Structure formats: C-alpha cells, structure tokens
Amino acid sequence: MAEEKKDMERSANDGKFPLTRLNYKLLAVGFVIIVLGFILMSGGKAEDPTGFNPEIFSFRRITLAPMLVLGGFLFEIFAIMYRGKRSKSSDSKQ
C-alpha cells in the first residue's frame, strides 16, 4: 500500500521541477528590486556625531525605499506562485 502511494507521487510529479526557468528569472528581478530599495534607504549620516542631519527624513528614505522593498517582497511571492500558461495537452493529462 505504501509502495502504491510512492508510485502515485512519482507519476504525479513526472520528474518536473516545481519552479520553471521563468520563475527563477522573476525571483532574480524581485531580488534586485529589494536590494535597490535597501540601497535607497542607506545614507543620511551626519558628518559631526553631535550634529543632526535632517536628510535622514527625506522622501526617498522614509517613503520610496520601504515601498520599493515591500513591492519587491510581494513580487517575490508572485514569482514563486506563478505557474505560466499551460497547454491543453498537459491539462488533459492531469
């Protein structure tokens, strides 16, 4: 009985990977978006340690960069879940 279950799992997978080449490309794009967001967040250091630099509260660091990072993470979720177009012949086999 356990052997039949293993055979069914093997035939259902048919040696295919769960993610396609397109998924990996989309994951790479999402990773670049996240890194770009963190790069935009950096900077704004005061040259004098006792001084205050209001540049740390710029639109780029407080609003744009976090939105870019969040968008990158959402894009990563999309890239993992994306299945692509299926042909009619592969749909009829399932």
PDB file of N, CA and C in Angstrom:
ATOM      1  N   MET A   1       0.821  -1.192   0.000  1.00  0.00           N
ATOM      2  CA  MET A   1       0.000   0.000   0.000  1.00  0.00           C
ATOM      3  C   MET A   1       0.870   1.263   0.000  1.00  0.00           C
ATOM      4  N   ALA A   2       1.906   1.261   0.819  1.00  0.00           N
ATOM      5  CA  ALA A   2       2.809   2.413   0.859  1.00  0.00           C
ATOM      6  C   ALA A   2       3.567   2.549  -0.455  1.00  0.00           C
ATOM      7  N   GLU A   3       3.853   1.402  -1.081  1.00  0.00           N
ATOM      8  CA  GLU A   3       4.563   1.417  -2.357  1.00  0.00           C
ATOM      9  C   GLU A   3       3.697   2.017  -3.458  1.00  0.00           C
ATOM     10  N   GLU A   4       2.392   1.729  -3.429  1.00  0.00           N
ATOM     11  CA  GLU A   4       1.468   2.300  -4.407  1.00  0.00           C
ATOM     12  C   GLU A   4       1.398   3.815  -4.264  1.00  0.00           C
ATOM     13  N   LYS A   5       1.428   4.283  -3.033  1.00  0.00           N
ATOM     14  CA  LYS A   5       1.383   5.722  -2.785  1.00  0.00           C
ATOM     15  C   LYS A   5       2.630   6.403  -3.339  1.00  0.00           C
ATOM     16  N   LYS A   6       3.794   5.779  -3.165  1.00  0.00           N
ATOM     17  CA  LYS A   6       5.036   6.337  -3.710  1.00  0.00           C
ATOM     18  C   LYS A   6       4.995   6.367  -5.228  1.00  0.00           C
ATOM     19  N   ASP A   7       4.451   5.308  -5.840  1.00  0.00           N
ATOM     20  CA  ASP A   7       4.344   5.272  -7.298  1.00  0.00           C
ATOM     21  C   ASP A   7       3.421   6.367  -7.807  1.00  0.00           C
ATOM     22  N   MET A   8       2.329   6.613  -7.086  1.00  0.00           N
ATOM     23  CA  MET A   8       1.406   7.673  -7.481  1.00  0.00           C
ATOM     24  C   MET A   8       2.065   9.042  -7.374  1.00  0.00           C
ATOM     25  N   GLU A   9       2.867   9.264  -6.321  1.00  0.00           N
ATOM     26  CA  GLU A   9       3.559  10.541  -6.157  1.00  0.00           C
ATOM     27  C   GLU A   9       4.572  10.741  -7.268  1.00  0.00           C
ATOM     28  N   ARG A  10       5.288   9.683  -7.632  1.00  0.00           N
ATOM     29  CA  ARG A  10       6.266   9.785  -8.713  1.00  0.00           C
ATOM     30  C   ARG A  10       5.591  10.101 -10.039  1.00  0.00           C
ATOM     31  N   SER A  11       4.485   9.441 -10.340  1.00  0.00           N
ATOM     32  CA  SER A  11       3.809   9.677 -11.615  1.00  0.00           C
ATOM     33  C   SER A  11       3.167  11.066 -11.655  1.00  0.00           C
ATOM     34  N   ALA A  12       2.741  11.564 -10.518  1.00  0.00           N
ATOM     35  CA  ALA A  12       2.145  12.905 -10.486  1.00  0.00           C
ATOM     36  C   ALA A  12       3.192  13.971 -10.749  1.00  0.00           C
ATOM     37  N   ASN A  13       4.415  13.766 -10.287  1.00  0.00           N
ATOM     38  CA  ASN A  13       5.467  14.752 -10.459  1.00  0.00           C
ATOM     39  C   ASN A  13       6.115  14.639 -11.839  1.00  0.00           C
ATOM     40  N   ASP A  14       6.243  13.444 -12.372  1.00  0.00           N
ATOM     41  CA  ASP A  14       6.828  13.183 -13.687  1.00  0.00           C
ATOM     42  C   ASP A  14       8.225  13.777 -13.840  1.00  0.00           C
ATOM     43  N   GLY A  15       8.965  13.907 -12.773  1.00  0.00           N
ATOM     44  CA  GLY A  15      10.333  14.398 -12.851  1.00  0.00           C
ATOM     45  C   GLY A  15      10.451  15.885 -13.139  1.00  0.00           C
ATOM     46  N   LYS A  16       9.383  16.630 -13.004  1.00  0.00           N
ATOM     47  CA  LYS A  16       9.431  18.067 -13.271  1.00  0.00           C
ATOM     48  C   LYS A  16       9.743  18.815 -11.989  1.00  0.00           C
ATOM     49  N   PHE A  17      10.486  19.894 -12.143  1.00  0.00           N
ATOM     50  CA  PHE A  17      10.782  20.754 -11.004  1.00  0.00           C
ATOM     51  C   PHE A  17       9.573  21.632 -10.713  1.00  0.00           C
ATOM     52  N   PRO A  18       9.378  22.010  -9.458  1.00  0.00           N
ATOM     53  CA  PRO A  18       8.207  22.830  -9.135  1.00  0.00           C
ATOM     54  C   PRO A  18       8.284  24.248  -9.703  1.00  0.00           C
ATOM     55  N   LEU A  19       9.491  24.756  -9.899  1.00  0.00           N
ATOM     56  CA  LEU A  19       9.659  26.101 -10.456  1.00  0.00           C
ATOM     57  C   LEU A  19      10.319  25.996 -11.824  1.00  0.00           C
ATOM     58  N   THR A  20       9.878  26.832 -12.736  1.00  0.00           N
ATOM     59  CA  THR A  20      10.435  26.835 -14.083  1.00  0.00           C
ATOM     60  C   THR A  20      11.542  27.879 -14.186  1.00  0.00           C
ATOM     61  N   ARG A  21      12.163  27.910 -15.345  1.00  0.00           N
ATOM     62  CA  ARG A  21      13.222  28.899 -15.593  1.00  0.00           C
ATOM     63  C   ARG A  21      12.665  30.321 -15.463  1.00  0.00           C
ATOM     64  N   LEU A  22      11.435  30.523 -15.920  1.00  0.00           N
ATOM     65  CA  LEU A  22      10.802  31.848 -15.809  1.00  0.00           C
ATOM     66  C   LEU A  22      10.623  32.246 -14.352  1.00  0.00           C
ATOM     67  N   ASN A  23      10.253  31.289 -13.490  1.00  0.00           N
ATOM     68  CA  ASN A  23      10.108  31.586 -12.067  1.00  0.00           C
ATOM     69  C   ASN A  23      11.423  32.087 -11.483  1.00  0.00           C
ATOM     70  N   TYR A  24      12.518  31.440 -11.852  1.00  0.00           N
ATOM     71  CA  TYR A  24      13.821  31.856 -11.326  1.00  0.00           C
ATOM     72  C   TYR A  24      14.223  33.235 -11.845  1.00  0.00           C
ATOM     73  N   LYS A  25      13.884  33.537 -13.086  1.00  0.00           N
ATOM     74  CA  LYS A  25      14.165  34.877 -13.620  1.00  0.00           C
ATOM     75  C   LYS A  25      13.359  35.930 -12.858  1.00  0.00           C
ATOM     76  N   LEU A  26      12.088  35.622 -12.593  1.00  0.00           N
ATOM     77  CA  LEU A  26      11.255  36.560 -11.841  1.00  0.00           C
ATOM     78  C   LEU A  26      11.763  36.725 -10.410  1.00  0.00           C
ATOM     79  N   LEU A  27      12.246  35.642  -9.810  1.00  0.00           N
ATOM     80  CA  LEU A  27      12.835  35.739  -8.469  1.00  0.00           C
ATOM     81  C   LEU A  27      14.056  36.645  -8.473  1.00  0.00           C
ATOM     82  N   ALA A  28      14.873  36.549  -9.519  1.00  0.00           N
ATOM     83  CA  ALA A  28      16.054  37.411  -9.617  1.00  0.00           C
ATOM     84  C   ALA A  28      15.651  38.880  -9.741  1.00  0.00           C
ATOM     85  N   VAL A  29      14.614  39.148 -10.522  1.00  0.00           N
ATOM     86  CA  VAL A  29      14.129  40.529 -10.662  1.00  0.00           C
ATOM     87  C   VAL A  29      13.631  41.055  -9.317  1.00  0.00           C
ATOM     88  N   GLY A  30      12.884  40.243  -8.591  1.00  0.00           N
ATOM     89  CA  GLY A  30      12.402  40.647  -7.270  1.00  0.00           C
ATOM     90  C   GLY A  30      13.542  40.914  -6.306  1.00  0.00           C
ATOM     91  N   PHE A  31      14.588  40.085  -6.367  1.00  0.00           N
ATOM     92  CA  PHE A  31      15.746  40.288  -5.505  1.00  0.00           C
ATOM     93  C   PHE A  31      16.440  41.607  -5.823  1.00  0.00           C
ATOM     94  N   VAL A  32      16.547  41.937  -7.099  1.00  0.00           N
ATOM     95  CA  VAL A  32      17.166  43.213  -7.496  1.00  0.00           C
ATOM     96  C   VAL A  32      16.327  44.384  -6.990  1.00  0.00           C
ATOM     97  N   ILE A  33      15.016  44.273  -7.056  1.00  0.00           N
ATOM     98  CA  ILE A  33      14.137  45.342  -6.557  1.00  0.00           C
ATOM     99  C   ILE A  33      14.342  45.541  -5.061  1.00  0.00           C
ATOM    100  N   ILE A  34      14.437  44.452  -4.306  1.00  0.00           N
ATOM    101  CA  ILE A  34      14.643  44.550  -2.859  1.00  0.00           C
ATOM    102  C   ILE A  34      15.980  45.185  -2.541  1.00  0.00           C
ATOM    103  N   VAL A  35      17.031  44.765  -3.228  1.00  0.00           N
ATOM    104  CA  VAL A  35      18.369  45.334  -2.996  1.00  0.00           C
ATOM    105  C   VAL A  35      18.371  46.817  -3.339  1.00  0.00           C
ATOM    106  N   LEU A  36      17.718  47.189  -4.426  1.00  0.00           N
ATOM    107  CA  LEU A  36      17.641  48.604  -4.803  1.00  0.00           C
ATOM    108  C   LEU A  36      16.943  49.415  -3.716  1.00  0.00           C
ATOM    109  N   GLY A  37      15.890  48.856  -3.133  1.00  0.00           N
ATOM    110  CA  GLY A  37      15.195  49.548  -2.041  1.00  0.00           C
ATOM    111  C   GLY A  37      16.095  49.763  -0.836  1.00  0.00           C
ATOM    112  N   PHE A  38      16.896  48.754  -0.479  1.00  0.00           N
ATOM    113  CA  PHE A  38      17.807  48.918   0.651  1.00  0.00           C
ATOM    114  C   PHE A  38      18.922  49.908   0.334  1.00  0.00           C
ATOM    115  N   ILE A  39      19.368  49.938  -0.909  1.00  0.00           N
ATOM    116  CA  ILE A  39      20.389  50.920  -1.301  1.00  0.00           C
ATOM    117  C   ILE A  39      19.815  52.334  -1.180  1.00  0.00           C
ATOM    118  N   LEU A  40      18.564  52.511  -1.601  1.00  0.00           N
ATOM    119  CA  LEU A  40      17.938  53.830  -1.486  1.00  0.00           C
ATOM    120  C   LEU A  40      17.746  54.247  -0.034  1.00  0.00           C
ATOM    121  N   MET A  41      17.621  53.299   0.881  1.00  0.00           N
ATOM    122  CA  MET A  41      17.453  53.616   2.296  1.00  0.00           C
ATOM    123  C   MET A  41      18.756  54.067   2.946  1.00  0.00           C
ATOM    124  N   SER A  42      19.866  53.699   2.381  1.00  0.00           N
ATOM    125  CA  SER A  42      21.152  53.979   3.031  1.00  0.00           C
ATOM    126  C   SER A  42      21.512  55.457   2.926  1.00  0.00           C
ATOM    127  N   GLY A  43      22.446  55.861   3.751  1.00  0.00           N
ATOM    128  CA  GLY A  43      22.935  57.236   3.727  1.00  0.00           C
ATOM    129  C   GLY A  43      22.274  58.110   4.768  1.00  0.00           C
ATOM    130  N   GLY A  44      22.538  59.407   4.673  1.00  0.00           N
ATOM    131  CA  GLY A  44      21.944  60.367   5.595  1.00  0.00           C
ATOM    132  C   GLY A  44      22.689  60.513   6.896  1.00  0.00           C
ATOM    133  N   LYS A  45      23.918  60.009   6.930  1.00  0.00           N
ATOM    134  CA  LYS A  45      24.705  60.085   8.164  1.00  0.00           C
ATOM    135  C   LYS A  45      25.198  61.515   8.385  1.00  0.00           C
ATOM    136  N   ALA A  46      25.155  61.958   9.617  1.00  0.00           N
ATOM    137  CA  ALA A  46      25.672  63.278   9.961  1.00  0.00           C
ATOM    138  C   ALA A  46      27.192  63.217  10.018  1.00  0.00           C
ATOM    139  N   GLU A  47      27.845  64.223   9.466  1.00  0.00           N
ATOM    140  CA  GLU A  47      29.311  64.244   9.478  1.00  0.00           C
ATOM    141  C   GLU A  47      29.845  64.507  10.885  1.00  0.00           C
ATOM    142  N   ASP A  48      29.139  65.306  11.652  1.00  0.00           N
ATOM    143  CA  ASP A  48      29.510  65.576  13.035  1.00  0.00           C
ATOM    144  C   ASP A  48      28.650  64.683  13.927  1.00  0.00           C
ATOM    145  N   PRO A  49      29.260  63.820  14.752  1.00  0.00           N
ATOM    146  CA  PRO A  49      28.460  62.897  15.568  1.00  0.00           C
ATOM    147  C   PRO A  49      27.525  63.596  16.552  1.00  0.00           C
ATOM    148  N   THR A  50      27.812  64.821  16.919  1.00  0.00           N
ATOM    149  CA  THR A  50      26.928  65.535  17.844  1.00  0.00           C
ATOM    150  C   THR A  50      25.860  66.325  17.108  1.00  0.00           C
ATOM    151  N   GLY A  51      25.965  66.417  15.786  1.00  0.00           N
ATOM    152  CA  GLY A  51      25.008  67.191  14.991  1.00  0.00           C
ATOM    153  C   GLY A  51      23.865  66.326  14.495  1.00  0.00           C
ATOM    154  N   PHE A  52      22.878  66.991  13.957  1.00  0.00           N
ATOM    155  CA  PHE A  52      21.706  66.317  13.416  1.00  0.00           C
ATOM    156  C   PHE A  52      21.607  66.622  11.942  1.00  0.00           C
ATOM    157  N   ASN A  53      21.380  65.575  11.149  1.00  0.00           N
ATOM    158  CA  ASN A  53      21.222  65.745   9.712  1.00  0.00           C
ATOM    159  C   ASN A  53      19.774  65.431   9.342  1.00  0.00           C
ATOM    160  N   PRO A  54      18.993  66.449   8.951  1.00  0.00           N
ATOM    161  CA  PRO A  54      17.581  66.185   8.621  1.00  0.00           C
ATOM    162  C   PRO A  54      17.405  65.376   7.335  1.00  0.00           C
ATOM    163  N   GLU A  55      18.483  65.107   6.624  1.00  0.00           N
ATOM    164  CA  GLU A  55      18.412  64.333   5.390  1.00  0.00           C
ATOM    165  C   GLU A  55      17.958  62.890   5.640  1.00  0.00           C
ATOM    166  N   ILE A  56      18.058  62.407   6.859  1.00  0.00           N
ATOM    167  CA  ILE A  56      17.608  61.041   7.137  1.00  0.00           C
ATOM    168  C   ILE A  56      16.094  60.918   7.023  1.00  0.00           C
ATOM    169  N   PHE A  57      15.388  62.027   7.045  1.00  0.00           N
ATOM    170  CA  PHE A  57      13.936  62.018   6.931  1.00  0.00           C
ATOM    171  C   PHE A  57      13.460  62.416   5.535  1.00  0.00           C
ATOM    172  N   SER A  58      14.283  62.184   4.530  1.00  0.00           N
ATOM    173  CA  SER A  58      13.896  62.552   3.168  1.00  0.00           C
ATOM    174  C   SER A  58      12.828  61.595   2.640  1.00  0.00           C
ATOM    175  N   PHE A  59      12.115  62.035   1.617  1.00  0.00           N
ATOM    176  CA  PHE A  59      11.068  61.219   0.990  1.00  0.00           C
ATOM    177  C   PHE A  59      11.642  59.890   0.496  1.00  0.00           C
ATOM    178  N   ARG A  60      12.835  59.940  -0.047  1.00  0.00           N
ATOM    179  CA  ARG A  60      13.459  58.743  -0.606  1.00  0.00           C
ATOM    180  C   ARG A  60      13.680  57.677   0.465  1.00  0.00           C
ATOM    181  N   ARG A  61      14.148  58.073   1.635  1.00  0.00           N
ATOM    182  CA  ARG A  61      14.479  57.110   2.692  1.00  0.00           C
ATOM    183  C   ARG A  61      13.272  56.674   3.517  1.00  0.00           C
ATOM    184  N   ILE A  62      12.306  57.560   3.687  1.00  0.00           N
ATOM    185  CA  ILE A  62      11.177  57.266   4.564  1.00  0.00           C
ATOM    186  C   ILE A  62       9.992  56.655   3.807  1.00  0.00           C
ATOM    187  N   THR A  63       9.802  57.027   2.552  1.00  0.00           N
ATOM    188  CA  THR A  63       8.622  56.579   1.824  1.00  0.00           C
ATOM    189  C   THR A  63       8.952  55.691   0.632  1.00  0.00           C
ATOM    190  N   LEU A  64       9.783  56.180  -0.262  1.00  0.00           N
ATOM    191  CA  LEU A  64      10.052  55.483  -1.521  1.00  0.00           C
ATOM    192  C   LEU A  64      10.750  54.136  -1.306  1.00  0.00           C
ATOM    193  N   ALA A  65      11.823  54.127  -0.547  1.00  0.00           N
ATOM    194  CA  ALA A  65      12.600  52.901  -0.356  1.00  0.00           C
ATOM    195  C   ALA A  65      11.806  51.794   0.349  1.00  0.00           C
ATOM    196  N   PRO A  66      11.101  52.071   1.443  1.00  0.00           N
ATOM    197  CA  PRO A  66      10.302  50.996   2.055  1.00  0.00           C
ATOM    198  C   PRO A  66       9.205  50.460   1.136  1.00  0.00           C
ATOM    199  N   MET A  67       8.587  51.342   0.339  1.00  0.00           N
ATOM    200  CA  MET A  67       7.586  50.877  -0.607  1.00  0.00           C
ATOM    201  C   MET A  67       8.215  49.978  -1.670  1.00  0.00           C
ATOM    202  N   LEU A  68       9.413  50.315  -2.096  1.00  0.00           N
ATOM    203  CA  LEU A  68      10.126  49.506  -3.083  1.00  0.00           C
ATOM    204  C   LEU A  68      10.481  48.133  -2.507  1.00  0.00           C
ATOM    205  N   VAL A  69      10.936  48.100  -1.273  1.00  0.00           N
ATOM    206  CA  VAL A  69      11.266  46.819  -0.626  1.00  0.00           C
ATOM    207  C   VAL A  69      10.003  45.969  -0.467  1.00  0.00           C
ATOM    208  N   LEU A  70       8.930  46.563   0.001  1.00  0.00           N
ATOM    209  CA  LEU A  70       7.669  45.831   0.154  1.00  0.00           C
ATOM    210  C   LEU A  70       7.177  45.314  -1.193  1.00  0.00           C
ATOM    211  N   GLY A  71       7.265  46.155  -2.210  1.00  0.00           N
ATOM    212  CA  GLY A  71       6.877  45.725  -3.556  1.00  0.00           C
ATOM    213  C   GLY A  71       7.741  44.582  -4.054  1.00  0.00           C
ATOM    214  N   GLY A  72       9.035  44.624  -3.722  1.00  0.00           N
ATOM    215  CA  GLY A  72       9.930  43.534  -4.106  1.00  0.00           C
ATOM    216  C   GLY A  72       9.555  42.229  -3.443  1.00  0.00           C
ATOM    217  N   PHE A  73       9.200  42.273  -2.168  1.00  0.00           N
ATOM    218  CA  PHE A  73       8.786  41.054  -1.475  1.00  0.00           C
ATOM    219  C   PHE A  73       7.473  40.518  -2.041  1.00  0.00           C
ATOM    220  N   LEU A  74       6.538  41.403  -2.357  1.00  0.00           N
ATOM    221  CA  LEU A  74       5.286  40.960  -2.976  1.00  0.00           C
ATOM    222  C   LEU A  74       5.548  40.357  -4.351  1.00  0.00           C
ATOM    223  N   PHE A  75       6.484  40.941  -5.090  1.00  0.00           N
ATOM    224  CA  PHE A  75       6.854  40.397  -6.397  1.00  0.00           C
ATOM    225  C   PHE A  75       7.495  39.018  -6.248  1.00  0.00           C
ATOM    226  N   GLU A  76       8.267  38.818  -5.181  1.00  0.00           N
ATOM    227  CA  GLU A  76       8.867  37.504  -4.916  1.00  0.00           C
ATOM    228  C   GLU A  76       7.777  36.457  -4.682  1.00  0.00           C
ATOM    229  N   ILE A  77       6.751  36.813  -3.939  1.00  0.00           N
ATOM    230  CA  ILE A  77       5.640  35.884  -3.712  1.00  0.00           C
ATOM    231  C   ILE A  77       4.958  35.549  -5.034  1.00  0.00           C
ATOM    232  N   PHE A  78       4.744  36.560  -5.859  1.00  0.00           N
ATOM    233  CA  PHE A  78       4.165  36.332  -7.177  1.00  0.00           C
ATOM    234  C   PHE A  78       5.060  35.421  -8.014  1.00  0.00           C
ATOM    235  N   ALA A  79       6.373  35.652  -7.978  1.00  0.00           N
ATOM    236  CA  ALA A  79       7.308  34.858  -8.775  1.00  0.00           C
ATOM    237  C   ALA A  79       7.296  33.393  -8.361  1.00  0.00           C
ATOM    238  N   ILE A  80       7.122  33.125  -7.081  1.00  0.00           N
ATOM    239  CA  ILE A  80       7.077  31.741  -6.617  1.00  0.00           C
ATOM    240  C   ILE A  80       5.755  31.089  -7.017  1.00  0.00           C
ATOM    241  N   MET A  81       4.669  31.817  -6.922  1.00  0.00           N
ATOM    242  CA  MET A  81       3.350  31.240  -7.188  1.00  0.00           C
ATOM    243  C   MET A  81       2.998  31.175  -8.675  1.00  0.00           C
ATOM    244  N   TYR A  82       3.697  31.906  -9.527  1.00  0.00           N
ATOM    245  CA  TYR A  82       3.375  31.980 -10.948  1.00  0.00           C
ATOM    246  C   TYR A  82       3.544  30.617 -11.618  1.00  0.00           C
ATOM    247  N   ARG A  83       2.521  30.184 -12.331  1.00  0.00           N
ATOM    248  CA  ARG A  83       2.555  28.874 -12.978  1.00  0.00           C
ATOM    249  C   ARG A  83       2.716  28.973 -14.476  1.00  0.00           C
ATOM    250  N   GLY A  84       2.481  30.109 -15.064  1.00  0.00           N
ATOM    251  CA  GLY A  84       2.619  30.262 -16.510  1.00  0.00           C
ATOM    252  C   GLY A  84       1.432  29.678 -17.246  1.00  0.00           C
ATOM    253  N   LYS A  85       1.506  29.766 -18.560  1.00  0.00           N
ATOM    254  CA  LYS A  85       0.438  29.229 -19.393  1.00  0.00           C
ATOM    255  C   LYS A  85       0.628  27.736 -19.554  1.00  0.00           C
ATOM    256  N   ARG A  86      -0.445  27.004 -19.425  1.00  0.00           N
ATOM    257  CA  ARG A  86      -0.422  25.557 -19.590  1.00  0.00           C
ATOM    258  C   ARG A  86      -1.044  25.203 -20.943  1.00  0.00           C
ATOM    259  N   SER A  87      -0.450  24.275 -21.622  1.00  0.00           N
ATOM    260  CA  SER A  87      -1.016  23.837 -22.895  1.00  0.00           C
ATOM    261  C   SER A  87      -2.215  22.926 -22.636  1.00  0.00           C
ATOM    262  N   LYS A  88      -3.072  22.784 -23.630  1.00  0.00           N
ATOM    263  CA  LYS A  88      -4.266  21.945 -23.467  1.00  0.00           C
ATOM    264  C   LYS A  88      -3.893  20.487 -23.279  1.00  0.00           C
ATOM    265  N   SER A  89      -2.810  20.052 -23.889  1.00  0.00           N
ATOM    266  CA  SER A  89      -2.420  18.648 -23.768  1.00  0.00           C
ATOM    267  C   SER A  89      -1.966  18.322 -22.342  1.00  0.00           C
ATOM    268  N   SER A  90      -1.288  19.241 -21.668  1.00  0.00           N
ATOM    269  CA  SER A  90      -0.864  18.980 -20.298  1.00  0.00           C
ATOM    270  C   SER A  90      -2.043  19.077 -19.328  1.00  0.00           C
ATOM    271  N   ASP A  91      -3.062  19.895 -19.666  1.00  0.00           N
ATOM    272  CA  ASP A  91      -4.238  19.982 -18.816  1.00  0.00           C
ATOM    273  C   ASP A  91      -5.066  18.703 -18.879  1.00  0.00           C
ATOM    274  N   SER A  92      -5.134  18.083 -20.057  1.00  0.00           N
ATOM    275  CA  SER A  92      -5.936  16.882 -20.199  1.00  0.00           C
ATOM    276  C   SER A  92      -5.273  15.681 -19.507  1.00  0.00           C
ATOM    277  N   LYS A  93      -3.960  15.709 -19.312  1.00  0.00           N
ATOM    278  CA  LYS A  93      -3.269  14.628 -18.643  1.00  0.00           C
ATOM    279  C   LYS A  93      -3.526  14.638 -17.141  1.00  0.00           C
ATOM    280  N   GLN A  94      -3.841  15.791 -16.595  1.00  0.00           N
ATOM    281  CA  GLN A  94      -3.996  15.905 -15.144  1.00  0.00           C
ATOM    282  C   GLN A  94      -5.341  15.516 -14.681  1.00  0.00           C
TER     283      GLN A  94
END
